[in-house]
Amino acid sequence: QVQLVESGGGWVQPGGSLRLSCAASTSRFISDMGWYRQAPGNQRELVATQTRGGSPNYADSVKGRFVVSRDNAKNTVILQMSSLKPEDTAVYSCHARVYSHGSRDYWGQGTQVTVSS
């Protein structure tokens, strides 16, 4: 069983910055790794993901403000969030697609990000 351990998150004022980190408890091959979020009353949505060796993919709402980066050797992913807005408030969850005799999706427990004054 693979665990995704998240850290970071919390409260920040509009315009501020936060950094989320996620580490996978496996050395197996991970193709996609990144972040999704879910605000109350909304469906979970993609924030930013990066395929192994590929370019990052961002939601239009975060382009130019968020940066996702992976360390393939360590199976970790970081989301650097800047110029945060109240509408970025949500539970952010790490995601990883792990390959071992086929692929399987894993999710972190989620971390709350609150942007308010």
PDB file of N, CA and C in Angstrom:
ATOM      1  N   GLN A   1       0.840  -1.184   0.000  1.00  0.00           N
ATOM      2  CA  GLN A   1       0.000   0.000   0.000  1.00  0.00           C
ATOM      3  C   GLN A   1       0.885   1.248   0.000  1.00  0.00           C
ATOM      4  N   VAL A   2       0.570   2.182  -0.866  1.00  0.00           N
ATOM      5  CA  VAL A   2       1.334   3.409  -0.981  1.00  0.00           C
ATOM      6  C   VAL A   2       0.637   4.504  -0.190  1.00  0.00           C
ATOM      7  N   GLN A   3       1.411   5.236   0.582  1.00  0.00           N
ATOM      8  CA  GLN A   3       0.867   6.389   1.298  1.00  0.00           C
ATOM      9  C   GLN A   3       1.455   7.662   0.729  1.00  0.00           C
ATOM     10  N   LEU A   4       0.609   8.681   0.647  1.00  0.00           N
ATOM     11  CA  LEU A   4       1.052  10.008   0.239  1.00  0.00           C
ATOM     12  C   LEU A   4       0.965  10.901   1.464  1.00  0.00           C
ATOM     13  N   VAL A   5       2.116  11.394   1.901  1.00  0.00           N
ATOM     14  CA  VAL A   5       2.172  12.207   3.115  1.00  0.00           C
ATOM     15  C   VAL A   5       2.330  13.664   2.720  1.00  0.00           C
ATOM     16  N   GLU A   6       1.332  14.466   3.101  1.00  0.00           N
ATOM     17  CA  GLU A   6       1.303  15.874   2.733  1.00  0.00           C
ATOM     18  C   GLU A   6       1.750  16.749   3.905  1.00  0.00           C
ATOM     19  N   SER A   7       2.282  17.909   3.569  1.00  0.00           N
ATOM     20  CA  SER A   7       2.607  18.912   4.583  1.00  0.00           C
ATOM     21  C   SER A   7       2.424  20.283   3.960  1.00  0.00           C
ATOM     22  N   GLY A   8       2.268  21.262   4.829  1.00  0.00           N
ATOM     23  CA  GLY A   8       2.028  22.618   4.366  1.00  0.00           C
ATOM     24  C   GLY A   8       0.564  22.968   4.527  1.00  0.00           C
ATOM     25  N   GLY A   9       0.126  23.993   3.865  1.00  0.00           N
ATOM     26  CA  GLY A   9      -1.248  24.442   3.999  1.00  0.00           C
ATOM     27  C   GLY A   9      -1.400  25.366   5.185  1.00  0.00           C
ATOM     28  N   GLY A  10      -2.640  25.771   5.442  1.00  0.00           N
ATOM     29  CA  GLY A  10      -2.921  26.660   6.553  1.00  0.00           C
ATOM     30  C   GLY A  10      -3.698  27.876   6.102  1.00  0.00           C
ATOM     31  N   TRP A  11      -3.552  28.955   6.873  1.00  0.00           N
ATOM     32  CA  TRP A  11      -4.273  30.195   6.591  1.00  0.00           C
ATOM     33  C   TRP A  11      -3.300  31.251   6.086  1.00  0.00           C
ATOM     34  N   VAL A  12      -3.761  32.041   5.122  1.00  0.00           N
ATOM     35  CA  VAL A  12      -2.949  33.120   4.592  1.00  0.00           C
ATOM     36  C   VAL A  12      -3.867  34.234   4.113  1.00  0.00           C
ATOM     37  N   GLN A  13      -3.399  35.442   4.167  1.00  0.00           N
ATOM     38  CA  GLN A  13      -4.179  36.574   3.659  1.00  0.00           C
ATOM     39  C   GLN A  13      -4.107  36.619   2.139  1.00  0.00           C
ATOM     40  N   PRO A  14      -5.105  37.227   1.514  1.00  0.00           N
ATOM     41  CA  PRO A  14      -5.069  37.371   0.044  1.00  0.00           C
ATOM     42  C   PRO A  14      -3.772  38.031  -0.409  1.00  0.00           C
ATOM     43  N   GLY A  15      -3.215  37.490  -1.477  1.00  0.00           N
ATOM     44  CA  GLY A  15      -1.938  37.970  -1.978  1.00  0.00           C
ATOM     45  C   GLY A  15      -0.745  37.249  -1.406  1.00  0.00           C
ATOM     46  N   GLY A  16      -0.967  36.430  -0.413  1.00  0.00           N
ATOM     47  CA  GLY A  16       0.123  35.715   0.234  1.00  0.00           C
ATOM     48  C   GLY A  16       0.529  34.456  -0.509  1.00  0.00           C
ATOM     49  N   SER A  17       1.456  33.726   0.109  1.00  0.00           N
ATOM     50  CA  SER A  17       2.003  32.515  -0.507  1.00  0.00           C
ATOM     51  C   SER A  17       1.989  31.359   0.488  1.00  0.00           C
ATOM     52  N   LEU A  18       1.864  30.165  -0.065  1.00  0.00           N
ATOM     53  CA  LEU A  18       1.954  28.938   0.714  1.00  0.00           C
ATOM     54  C   LEU A  18       2.647  27.880  -0.124  1.00  0.00           C
ATOM     55  N   ARG A  19       3.209  26.895   0.562  1.00  0.00           N
ATOM     56  CA  ARG A  19       3.919  25.802  -0.110  1.00  0.00           C
ATOM     57  C   ARG A  19       3.397  24.479   0.415  1.00  0.00           C
ATOM     58  N   LEU A  20       2.958  23.630  -0.497  1.00  0.00           N
ATOM     59  CA  LEU A  20       2.501  22.294  -0.148  1.00  0.00           C
ATOM     60  C   LEU A  20       3.531  21.271  -0.624  1.00  0.00           C
ATOM     61  N   SER A  21       3.759  20.269   0.220  1.00  0.00           N
ATOM     62  CA  SER A  21       4.688  19.197  -0.148  1.00  0.00           C
ATOM     63  C   SER A  21       4.005  17.852   0.001  1.00  0.00           C
ATOM     64  N   CYS A  22       4.411  16.914  -0.816  1.00  0.00           N
ATOM     65  CA  CYS A  22       3.844  15.565  -0.767  1.00  0.00           C
ATOM     66  C   CYS A  22       4.946  14.559  -1.065  1.00  0.00           C
ATOM     67  N   ALA A  23       5.021  13.530  -0.232  1.00  0.00           N
ATOM     68  CA  ALA A  23       6.013  12.479  -0.436  1.00  0.00           C
ATOM     69  C   ALA A  23       5.306  11.128  -0.506  1.00  0.00           C
ATOM     70  N   ALA A  24       5.643  10.340  -1.515  1.00  0.00           N
ATOM     71  CA  ALA A  24       5.056   9.007  -1.676  1.00  0.00           C
ATOM     72  C   ALA A  24       5.949   7.972  -0.999  1.00  0.00           C
ATOM     73  N   SER A  25       5.314   7.049  -0.294  1.00  0.00           N
ATOM     74  CA  SER A  25       6.059   6.022   0.451  1.00  0.00           C
ATOM     75  C   SER A  25       6.359   4.822  -0.425  1.00  0.00           C
ATOM     76  N   THR A  26       6.928   5.084  -1.593  1.00  0.00           N
ATOM     77  CA  THR A  26       7.249   4.022  -2.523  1.00  0.00           C
ATOM     78  C   THR A  26       8.373   4.476  -3.441  1.00  0.00           C
ATOM     79  N   SER A  27       9.132   3.498  -3.922  1.00  0.00           N
ATOM     80  CA  SER A  27      10.156   3.789  -4.925  1.00  0.00           C
ATOM     81  C   SER A  27       9.699   3.325  -6.298  1.00  0.00           C
ATOM     82  N   ARG A  28       8.457   2.870  -6.385  1.00  0.00           N
ATOM     83  CA  ARG A  28       7.920   2.411  -7.666  1.00  0.00           C
ATOM     84  C   ARG A  28       7.752   3.573  -8.625  1.00  0.00           C
ATOM     85  N   PHE A  29       7.579   3.230  -9.894  1.00  0.00           N
ATOM     86  CA  PHE A  29       7.430   4.232 -10.946  1.00  0.00           C
ATOM     87  C   PHE A  29       6.108   4.965 -10.773  1.00  0.00           C
ATOM     88  N   ILE A  30       6.188   6.295 -10.763  1.00  0.00           N
ATOM     89  CA  ILE A  30       4.997   7.135 -10.701  1.00  0.00           C
ATOM     90  C   ILE A  30       4.928   7.935 -11.986  1.00  0.00           C
ATOM     91  N   SER A  31       3.836   7.795 -12.725  1.00  0.00           N
ATOM     92  CA  SER A  31       3.710   8.529 -13.980  1.00  0.00           C
ATOM     93  C   SER A  31       3.227   9.957 -13.714  1.00  0.00           C
ATOM     94  N   ASP A  32       2.009  10.089 -13.221  1.00  0.00           N
ATOM     95  CA  ASP A  32       1.464  11.411 -12.919  1.00  0.00           C
ATOM     96  C   ASP A  32       1.546  11.680 -11.421  1.00  0.00           C
ATOM     97  N   MET A  33       1.904  12.894 -11.074  1.00  0.00           N
ATOM     98  CA  MET A  33       1.918  13.279  -9.667  1.00  0.00           C
ATOM     99  C   MET A  33       1.574  14.753  -9.582  1.00  0.00           C
ATOM    100  N   GLY A  34       0.680  15.105  -8.651  1.00  0.00           N
ATOM    101  CA  GLY A  34       0.307  16.502  -8.558  1.00  0.00           C
ATOM    102  C   GLY A  34      -0.743  16.756  -7.510  1.00  0.00           C
ATOM    103  N   TRP A  35      -1.534  17.804  -7.727  1.00  0.00           N
ATOM    104  CA  TRP A  35      -2.469  18.299  -6.726  1.00  0.00           C
ATOM    105  C   TRP A  35      -3.843  18.557  -7.318  1.00  0.00           C
ATOM    106  N   TYR A  36      -4.845  18.211  -6.518  1.00  0.00           N
ATOM    107  CA  TYR A  36      -6.232  18.529  -6.800  1.00  0.00           C
ATOM    108  C   TYR A  36      -6.790  19.279  -5.600  1.00  0.00           C
ATOM    109  N   ARG A  37      -7.938  19.921  -5.773  1.00  0.00           N
ATOM    110  CA  ARG A  37      -8.559  20.615  -4.648  1.00  0.00           C
ATOM    111  C   ARG A  37     -10.069  20.484  -4.720  1.00  0.00           C
ATOM    112  N   GLN A  38     -10.688  20.625  -3.545  1.00  0.00           N
ATOM    113  CA  GLN A  38     -12.143  20.571  -3.463  1.00  0.00           C
ATOM    114  C   GLN A  38     -12.609  21.603  -2.456  1.00  0.00           C
ATOM    115  N   ALA A  39     -13.429  22.528  -2.930  1.00  0.00           N
ATOM    116  CA  ALA A  39     -14.036  23.533  -2.061  1.00  0.00           C
ATOM    117  C   ALA A  39     -15.422  23.043  -1.658  1.00  0.00           C
ATOM    118  N   PRO A  40     -15.954  23.531  -0.541  1.00  0.00           N
ATOM    119  CA  PRO A  40     -17.275  23.089  -0.092  1.00  0.00           C
ATOM    120  C   PRO A  40     -18.336  23.299  -1.170  1.00  0.00           C
ATOM    121  N   GLY A  41     -19.102  22.251  -1.440  1.00  0.00           N
ATOM    122  CA  GLY A  41     -20.159  22.329  -2.435  1.00  0.00           C
ATOM    123  C   GLY A  41     -19.706  22.160  -3.868  1.00  0.00           C
ATOM    124  N   ASN A  42     -18.395  21.999  -4.050  1.00  0.00           N
ATOM    125  CA  ASN A  42     -17.852  21.845  -5.405  1.00  0.00           C
ATOM    126  C   ASN A  42     -17.259  20.459  -5.603  1.00  0.00           C
ATOM    127  N   GLN A  43     -17.099  20.088  -6.865  1.00  0.00           N
ATOM    128  CA  GLN A  43     -16.416  18.840  -7.176  1.00  0.00           C
ATOM    129  C   GLN A  43     -14.907  19.035  -7.086  1.00  0.00           C
ATOM    130  N   ARG A  44     -14.214  17.915  -6.902  1.00  0.00           N
ATOM    131  CA  ARG A  44     -12.759  17.986  -6.889  1.00  0.00           C
ATOM    132  C   ARG A  44     -12.271  18.387  -8.283  1.00  0.00           C
ATOM    133  N   GLU A  45     -11.285  19.260  -8.311  1.00  0.00           N
ATOM    134  CA  GLU A  45     -10.764  19.740  -9.586  1.00  0.00           C
ATOM    135  C   GLU A  45      -9.246  19.687  -9.600  1.00  0.00           C
ATOM    136  N   LEU A  46      -8.711  19.541 -10.794  1.00  0.00           N
ATOM    137  CA  LEU A  46      -7.267  19.531 -10.962  1.00  0.00           C
ATOM    138  C   LEU A  46      -6.711  20.925 -10.690  1.00  0.00           C
ATOM    139  N   VAL A  47      -5.599  20.972  -9.964  1.00  0.00           N
ATOM    140  CA  VAL A  47      -4.880  22.222  -9.751  1.00  0.00           C
ATOM    141  C   VAL A  47      -3.636  22.239 -10.637  1.00  0.00           C
ATOM    142  N   ALA A  48      -2.775  21.239 -10.424  1.00  0.00           N
ATOM    143  CA  ALA A  48      -1.533  21.164 -11.199  1.00  0.00           C
ATOM    144  C   ALA A  48      -0.985  19.750 -11.095  1.00  0.00           C
ATOM    145  N   THR A  49      -0.589  19.204 -12.218  1.00  0.00           N
ATOM    146  CA  THR A  49       0.031  17.889 -12.230  1.00  0.00           C
ATOM    147  C   THR A  49       1.216  17.907 -13.186  1.00  0.00           C
ATOM    148  N   GLN A  50       2.066  16.924 -13.021  1.00  0.00           N
ATOM    149  CA  GLN A  50       3.210  16.814 -13.912  1.00  0.00           C
ATOM    150  C   GLN A  50       3.488  15.350 -14.184  1.00  0.00           C
ATOM    151  N   THR A  51       3.554  14.982 -15.450  1.00  0.00           N
ATOM    152  CA  THR A  51       3.932  13.622 -15.813  1.00  0.00           C
ATOM    153  C   THR A  51       5.442  13.491 -15.684  1.00  0.00           C
ATOM    154  N   ARG A  52       5.875  12.264 -15.484  1.00  0.00           N
ATOM    155  CA  ARG A  52       7.304  12.019 -15.329  1.00  0.00           C
ATOM    156  C   ARG A  52       8.038  12.401 -16.610  1.00  0.00           C
ATOM    157  N   GLY A  53       8.923  13.352 -16.520  1.00  0.00           N
ATOM    158  CA  GLY A  53       9.662  13.777 -17.691  1.00  0.00           C
ATOM    159  C   GLY A  53       8.903  14.703 -18.618  1.00  0.00           C
ATOM    160  N   GLY A  54       7.679  15.070 -18.242  1.00  0.00           N
ATOM    161  CA  GLY A  54       6.864  15.909 -19.103  1.00  0.00           C
ATOM    162  C   GLY A  54       6.683  17.310 -18.559  1.00  0.00           C
ATOM    163  N   SER A  55       5.864  18.063 -19.269  1.00  0.00           N
ATOM    164  CA  SER A  55       5.587  19.432 -18.859  1.00  0.00           C
ATOM    165  C   SER A  55       4.450  19.459 -17.837  1.00  0.00           C
ATOM    166  N   PRO A  56       4.425  20.435 -16.968  1.00  0.00           N
ATOM    167  CA  PRO A  56       3.329  20.533 -16.012  1.00  0.00           C
ATOM    168  C   PRO A  56       2.033  20.953 -16.689  1.00  0.00           C
ATOM    169  N   ASN A  57       0.933  20.577 -16.058  1.00  0.00           N
ATOM    170  CA  ASN A  57      -0.391  20.920 -16.540  1.00  0.00           C
ATOM    171  C   ASN A  57      -1.103  21.681 -15.416  1.00  0.00           C
ATOM    172  N   TYR A  58      -1.591  22.884 -15.710  1.00  0.00           N
ATOM    173  CA  TYR A  58      -2.217  23.723 -14.694  1.00  0.00           C
ATOM    174  C   TYR A  58      -3.671  24.024 -15.035  1.00  0.00           C
ATOM    175  N   ALA A  59      -4.483  24.183 -14.001  1.00  0.00           N
ATOM    176  CA  ALA A  59      -5.820  24.727 -14.192  1.00  0.00           C
ATOM    177  C   ALA A  59      -5.668  26.180 -14.633  1.00  0.00           C
ATOM    178  N   ASP A  60      -6.561  26.617 -15.497  1.00  0.00           N
ATOM    179  CA  ASP A  60      -6.477  28.000 -15.995  1.00  0.00           C
ATOM    180  C   ASP A  60      -6.501  29.002 -14.845  1.00  0.00           C
ATOM    181  N   SER A  61      -7.224  28.671 -13.789  1.00  0.00           N
ATOM    182  CA  SER A  61      -7.402  29.615 -12.685  1.00  0.00           C
ATOM    183  C   SER A  61      -6.132  29.837 -11.870  1.00  0.00           C
ATOM    184  N   VAL A  62      -5.132  28.960 -12.025  1.00  0.00           N
ATOM    185  CA  VAL A  62      -3.913  29.108 -11.224  1.00  0.00           C
ATOM    186  C   VAL A  62      -2.684  29.401 -12.076  1.00  0.00           C
ATOM    187  N   LYS A  63      -2.834  29.407 -13.372  1.00  0.00           N
ATOM    188  CA  LYS A  63      -1.679  29.664 -14.242  1.00  0.00           C
ATOM    189  C   LYS A  63      -1.062  31.030 -13.926  1.00  0.00           C
ATOM    190  N   GLY A  64       0.255  31.034 -13.848  1.00  0.00           N
ATOM    191  CA  GLY A  64       0.973  32.268 -13.534  1.00  0.00           C
ATOM    192  C   GLY A  64       1.089  32.544 -12.048  1.00  0.00           C
ATOM    193  N   ARG A  65       0.379  31.777 -11.227  1.00  0.00           N
ATOM    194  CA  ARG A  65       0.433  31.991  -9.773  1.00  0.00           C
ATOM    195  C   ARG A  65       1.004  30.775  -9.031  1.00  0.00           C
ATOM    196  N   PHE A  66       0.724  29.594  -9.533  1.00  0.00           N
ATOM    197  CA  PHE A  66       1.170  28.352  -8.878  1.00  0.00           C
ATOM    198  C   PHE A  66       2.250  27.691  -9.731  1.00  0.00           C
ATOM    199  N   VAL A  67       3.163  27.021  -9.047  1.00  0.00           N
ATOM    200  CA  VAL A  67       4.208  26.260  -9.730  1.00  0.00           C
ATOM    201  C   VAL A  67       4.305  24.879  -9.090  1.00  0.00           C
ATOM    202  N   VAL A  68       4.224  23.845  -9.924  1.00  0.00           N
ATOM    203  CA  VAL A  68       4.368  22.467  -9.443  1.00  0.00           C
ATOM    204  C   VAL A  68       5.735  21.938  -9.874  1.00  0.00           C
ATOM    205  N   SER A  69       6.364  21.203  -8.966  1.00  0.00           N
ATOM    206  CA  SER A  69       7.669  20.628  -9.292  1.00  0.00           C
ATOM    207  C   SER A  69       7.795  19.253  -8.657  1.00  0.00           C
ATOM    208  N   ARG A  70       8.459  18.356  -9.367  1.00  0.00           N
ATOM    209  CA  ARG A  70       8.634  16.976  -8.908  1.00  0.00           C
ATOM    210  C   ARG A  70      10.099  16.648  -8.739  1.00  0.00           C
ATOM    211  N   ASP A  71      10.346  15.744  -7.800  1.00  0.00           N
ATOM    212  CA  ASP A  71      11.660  15.120  -7.669  1.00  0.00           C
ATOM    213  C   ASP A  71      11.416  13.634  -7.915  1.00  0.00           C
ATOM    214  N   ASN A  72      11.714  13.190  -9.125  1.00  0.00           N
ATOM    215  CA  ASN A  72      11.407  11.805  -9.491  1.00  0.00           C
ATOM    216  C   ASN A  72      12.214  10.797  -8.677  1.00  0.00           C
ATOM    217  N   ALA A  73      13.412  11.161  -8.302  1.00  0.00           N
ATOM    218  CA  ALA A  73      14.249  10.237  -7.529  1.00  0.00           C
ATOM    219  C   ALA A  73      13.665   9.993  -6.143  1.00  0.00           C
ATOM    220  N   LYS A  74      13.039  11.011  -5.591  1.00  0.00           N
ATOM    221  CA  LYS A  74      12.482  10.900  -4.238  1.00  0.00           C
ATOM    222  C   LYS A  74      10.974  10.664  -4.245  1.00  0.00           C
ATOM    223  N   ASN A  75      10.351  10.704  -5.422  1.00  0.00           N
ATOM    224  CA  ASN A  75       8.883  10.589  -5.529  1.00  0.00           C
ATOM    225  C   ASN A  75       8.186  11.614  -4.640  1.00  0.00           C
ATOM    226  N   THR A  76       8.579  12.851  -4.797  1.00  0.00           N
ATOM    227  CA  THR A  76       7.948  13.955  -4.077  1.00  0.00           C
ATOM    228  C   THR A  76       7.447  14.996  -5.083  1.00  0.00           C
ATOM    229  N   VAL A  77       6.476  15.765  -4.638  1.00  0.00           N
ATOM    230  CA  VAL A  77       5.948  16.846  -5.465  1.00  0.00           C
ATOM    231  C   VAL A  77       5.659  18.041  -4.567  1.00  0.00           C
ATOM    232  N   ILE A  78       5.953  19.215  -5.064  1.00  0.00           N
ATOM    233  CA  ILE A  78       5.748  20.461  -4.330  1.00  0.00           C
ATOM    234  C   ILE A  78       4.844  21.364  -5.148  1.00  0.00           C
ATOM    235  N   LEU A  79       3.950  22.053  -4.458  1.00  0.00           N
ATOM    236  CA  LEU A  79       3.113  23.072  -5.081  1.00  0.00           C
ATOM    237  C   LEU A  79       3.410  24.396  -4.391  1.00  0.00           C
ATOM    238  N   GLN A  80       4.024  25.300  -5.117  1.00  0.00           N
ATOM    239  CA  GLN A  80       4.294  26.637  -4.607  1.00  0.00           C
ATOM    240  C   GLN A  80       3.170  27.548  -5.080  1.00  0.00           C
ATOM    241  N   MET A  81       2.441  28.105  -4.128  1.00  0.00           N
ATOM    242  CA  MET A  81       1.284  28.932  -4.447  1.00  0.00           C
ATOM    243  C   MET A  81       1.572  30.379  -4.079  1.00  0.00           C
ATOM    244  N   SER A  82       1.365  31.272  -5.024  1.00  0.00           N
ATOM    245  CA  SER A  82       1.598  32.683  -4.801  1.00  0.00           C
ATOM    246  C   SER A  82       0.371  33.475  -5.227  1.00  0.00           C
ATOM    247  N   SER A  83       0.334  34.727  -4.805  1.00  0.00           N
ATOM    248  CA  SER A  83      -0.790  35.617  -5.154  1.00  0.00           C
ATOM    249  C   SER A  83      -2.128  34.921  -4.867  1.00  0.00           C
ATOM    250  N   LEU A  84      -2.226  34.336  -3.707  1.00  0.00           N
ATOM    251  CA  LEU A  84      -3.413  33.552  -3.376  1.00  0.00           C
ATOM    252  C   LEU A  84      -4.650  34.434  -3.263  1.00  0.00           C
ATOM    253  N   LYS A  85      -5.775  33.845  -3.676  1.00  0.00           N
ATOM    254  CA  LYS A  85      -7.055  34.541  -3.671  1.00  0.00           C
ATOM    255  C   LYS A  85      -8.036  33.787  -2.776  1.00  0.00           C
ATOM    256  N   PRO A  86      -9.065  34.464  -2.285  1.00  0.00           N
ATOM    257  CA  PRO A  86     -10.065  33.753  -1.465  1.00  0.00           C
ATOM    258  C   PRO A  86     -10.662  32.548  -2.184  1.00  0.00           C
ATOM    259  N   GLU A  87     -10.801  32.631  -3.482  1.00  0.00           N
ATOM    260  CA  GLU A  87     -11.377  31.506  -4.234  1.00  0.00           C
ATOM    261  C   GLU A  87     -10.440  30.307  -4.333  1.00  0.00           C
ATOM    262  N   ASP A  88      -9.203  30.446  -3.858  1.00  0.00           N
ATOM    263  CA  ASP A  88      -8.293  29.308  -3.779  1.00  0.00           C
ATOM    264  C   ASP A  88      -8.530  28.482  -2.514  1.00  0.00           C
ATOM    265  N   THR A  89      -9.380  28.959  -1.645  1.00  0.00           N
ATOM    266  CA  THR A  89      -9.686  28.240  -0.410  1.00  0.00           C
ATOM    267  C   THR A  89     -10.315  26.890  -0.729  1.00  0.00           C
ATOM    268  N   ALA A  90      -9.714  25.824  -0.212  1.00  0.00           N
ATOM    269  CA  ALA A  90     -10.183  24.468  -0.494  1.00  0.00           C
ATOM    270  C   ALA A  90      -9.327  23.473   0.286  1.00  0.00           C
ATOM    271  N   VAL A  91      -9.735  22.216   0.235  1.00  0.00           N
ATOM    272  CA  VAL A  91      -8.882  21.128   0.712  1.00  0.00           C
ATOM    273  C   VAL A  91      -8.059  20.649  -0.484  1.00  0.00           C
ATOM    274  N   TYR A  92      -6.765  20.691  -0.334  1.00  0.00           N
ATOM    275  CA  TYR A  92      -5.845  20.299  -1.410  1.00  0.00           C
ATOM    276  C   TYR A  92      -5.345  18.887  -1.140  1.00  0.00           C
ATOM    277  N   SER A  93      -5.430  18.041  -2.164  1.00  0.00           N
ATOM    278  CA  SER A  93      -5.026  16.641  -2.014  1.00  0.00           C
ATOM    279  C   SER A  93      -3.962  16.290  -3.040  1.00  0.00           C
ATOM    280  N   CYS A  94      -2.969  15.563  -2.565  1.00  0.00           N
ATOM    281  CA  CYS A  94      -1.918  15.068  -3.443  1.00  0.00           C
ATOM    282  C   CYS A  94      -2.408  13.809  -4.157  1.00  0.00           C
ATOM    283  N   HIS A  95      -2.002  13.649  -5.398  1.00  0.00           N
ATOM    284  CA  HIS A  95      -2.383  12.489  -6.202  1.00  0.00           C
ATOM    285  C   HIS A  95      -1.143  11.890  -6.855  1.00  0.00           C
ATOM    286  N   ALA A  96      -1.130  10.569  -6.943  1.00  0.00           N
ATOM    287  CA  ALA A  96      -0.043   9.888  -7.644  1.00  0.00           C
ATOM    288  C   ALA A  96      -0.592   8.662  -8.352  1.00  0.00           C
ATOM    289  N   ARG A  97      -0.168   8.459  -9.577  1.00  0.00           N
ATOM    290  CA  ARG A  97      -0.518   7.251 -10.331  1.00  0.00           C
ATOM    291  C   ARG A  97       0.711   6.350 -10.324  1.00  0.00           C
ATOM    292  N   VAL A  98       0.601   5.260  -9.579  1.00  0.00           N
ATOM    293  CA  VAL A  98       1.730   4.369  -9.340  1.00  0.00           C
ATOM    294  C   VAL A  98       1.609   3.121 -10.215  1.00  0.00           C
ATOM    295  N   TYR A  99       2.713   2.725 -10.818  1.00  0.00           N
ATOM    296  CA  TYR A  99       2.734   1.543 -11.678  1.00  0.00           C
ATOM    297  C   TYR A  99       3.409   0.376 -10.983  1.00  0.00           C
ATOM    298  N   SER A 100       2.660  -0.734 -10.895  1.00  0.00           N
ATOM    299  CA  SER A 100       3.185  -1.996 -10.390  1.00  0.00           C
ATOM    300  C   SER A 100       2.231  -3.074 -10.857  1.00  0.00           C
ATOM    301  N   HIS A 101       2.551  -3.777 -11.931  1.00  0.00           N
ATOM    302  CA  HIS A 101       1.631  -4.734 -12.547  1.00  0.00           C
ATOM    303  C   HIS A 101       0.329  -4.023 -12.917  1.00  0.00           C
ATOM    304  N   GLY A 102       0.424  -2.915 -13.570  1.00  0.00           N
ATOM    305  CA  GLY A 102      -0.723  -2.073 -13.872  1.00  0.00           C
ATOM    306  C   GLY A 102      -0.633  -0.794 -13.064  1.00  0.00           C
ATOM    307  N   SER A 103      -1.567   0.116 -13.282  1.00  0.00           N
ATOM    308  CA  SER A 103      -1.514   1.400 -12.577  1.00  0.00           C
ATOM    309  C   SER A 103      -2.628   1.495 -11.544  1.00  0.00           C
ATOM    310  N   ARG A 104      -2.356   2.304 -10.537  1.00  0.00           N
ATOM    311  CA  ARG A 104      -3.355   2.547  -9.497  1.00  0.00           C
ATOM    312  C   ARG A 104      -3.176   3.976  -9.005  1.00  0.00           C
ATOM    313  N   ASP A 105      -4.303   4.629  -8.746  1.00  0.00           N
ATOM    314  CA  ASP A 105      -4.298   5.999  -8.253  1.00  0.00           C
ATOM    315  C   ASP A 105      -4.318   6.008  -6.730  1.00  0.00           C
ATOM    316  N   TYR A 106      -3.459   6.869  -6.174  1.00  0.00           N
ATOM    317  CA  TYR A 106      -3.432   7.057  -4.728  1.00  0.00           C
ATOM    318  C   TYR A 106      -3.668   8.527  -4.411  1.00  0.00           C
ATOM    319  N   TRP A 107      -4.253   8.761  -3.201  1.00  0.00           N
ATOM    320  CA  TRP A 107      -4.567  10.120  -2.772  1.00  0.00           C
ATOM    321  C   TRP A 107      -4.049  10.350  -1.363  1.00  0.00           C
ATOM    322  N   GLY A 108      -3.623  11.583  -1.113  1.00  0.00           N
ATOM    323  CA  GLY A 108      -3.271  11.975   0.239  1.00  0.00           C
ATOM    324  C   GLY A 108      -4.529  12.254   1.048  1.00  0.00           C
ATOM    325  N   GLN A 109      -4.327  12.531   2.332  1.00  0.00           N
ATOM    326  CA  GLN A 109      -5.465  12.751   3.228  1.00  0.00           C
ATOM    327  C   GLN A 109      -6.083  14.131   3.039  1.00  0.00           C
ATOM    328  N   GLY A 110      -5.372  15.028   2.391  1.00  0.00           N
ATOM    329  CA  GLY A 110      -5.881  16.374   2.160  1.00  0.00           C
ATOM    330  C   GLY A 110      -5.383  17.354   3.208  1.00  0.00           C
ATOM    331  N   THR A 111      -5.123  18.571   2.766  1.00  0.00           N
ATOM    332  CA  THR A 111      -4.691  19.630   3.677  1.00  0.00           C
ATOM    333  C   THR A 111      -5.479  20.899   3.353  1.00  0.00           C
ATOM    334  N   GLN A 112      -5.933  21.570   4.387  1.00  0.00           N
ATOM    335  CA  GLN A 112      -6.779  22.750   4.210  1.00  0.00           C
ATOM    336  C   GLN A 112      -5.929  23.974   3.884  1.00  0.00           C
ATOM    337  N   VAL A 113      -6.367  24.699   2.873  1.00  0.00           N
ATOM    338  CA  VAL A 113      -5.792  25.992   2.531  1.00  0.00           C
ATOM    339  C   VAL A 113      -6.917  27.021   2.626  1.00  0.00           C
ATOM    340  N   THR A 114      -6.731  28.024   3.466  1.00  0.00           N
ATOM    341  CA  THR A 114      -7.738  29.067   3.657  1.00  0.00           C
ATOM    342  C   THR A 114      -7.113  30.417   3.348  1.00  0.00           C
ATOM    343  N   VAL A 115      -7.745  31.140   2.442  1.00  0.00           N
ATOM    344  CA  VAL A 115      -7.265  32.470   2.055  1.00  0.00           C
ATOM    345  C   VAL A 115      -8.352  33.470   2.430  1.00  0.00           C
ATOM    346  N   SER A 116      -8.061  34.287   3.420  1.00  0.00           N
ATOM    347  CA  SER A 116      -9.044  35.274   3.868  1.00  0.00           C
ATOM    348  C   SER A 116      -8.331  36.387   4.614  1.00  0.00           C
ATOM    349  N   SER A 117      -9.031  37.505   4.713  1.00  0.00           N
ATOM    350  CA  SER A 117      -8.473  38.631   5.454  1.00  0.00           C
ATOM    351  C   SER A 117      -9.095  38.695   6.839  1.00  0.00           C
TER     352      SER A 117
END
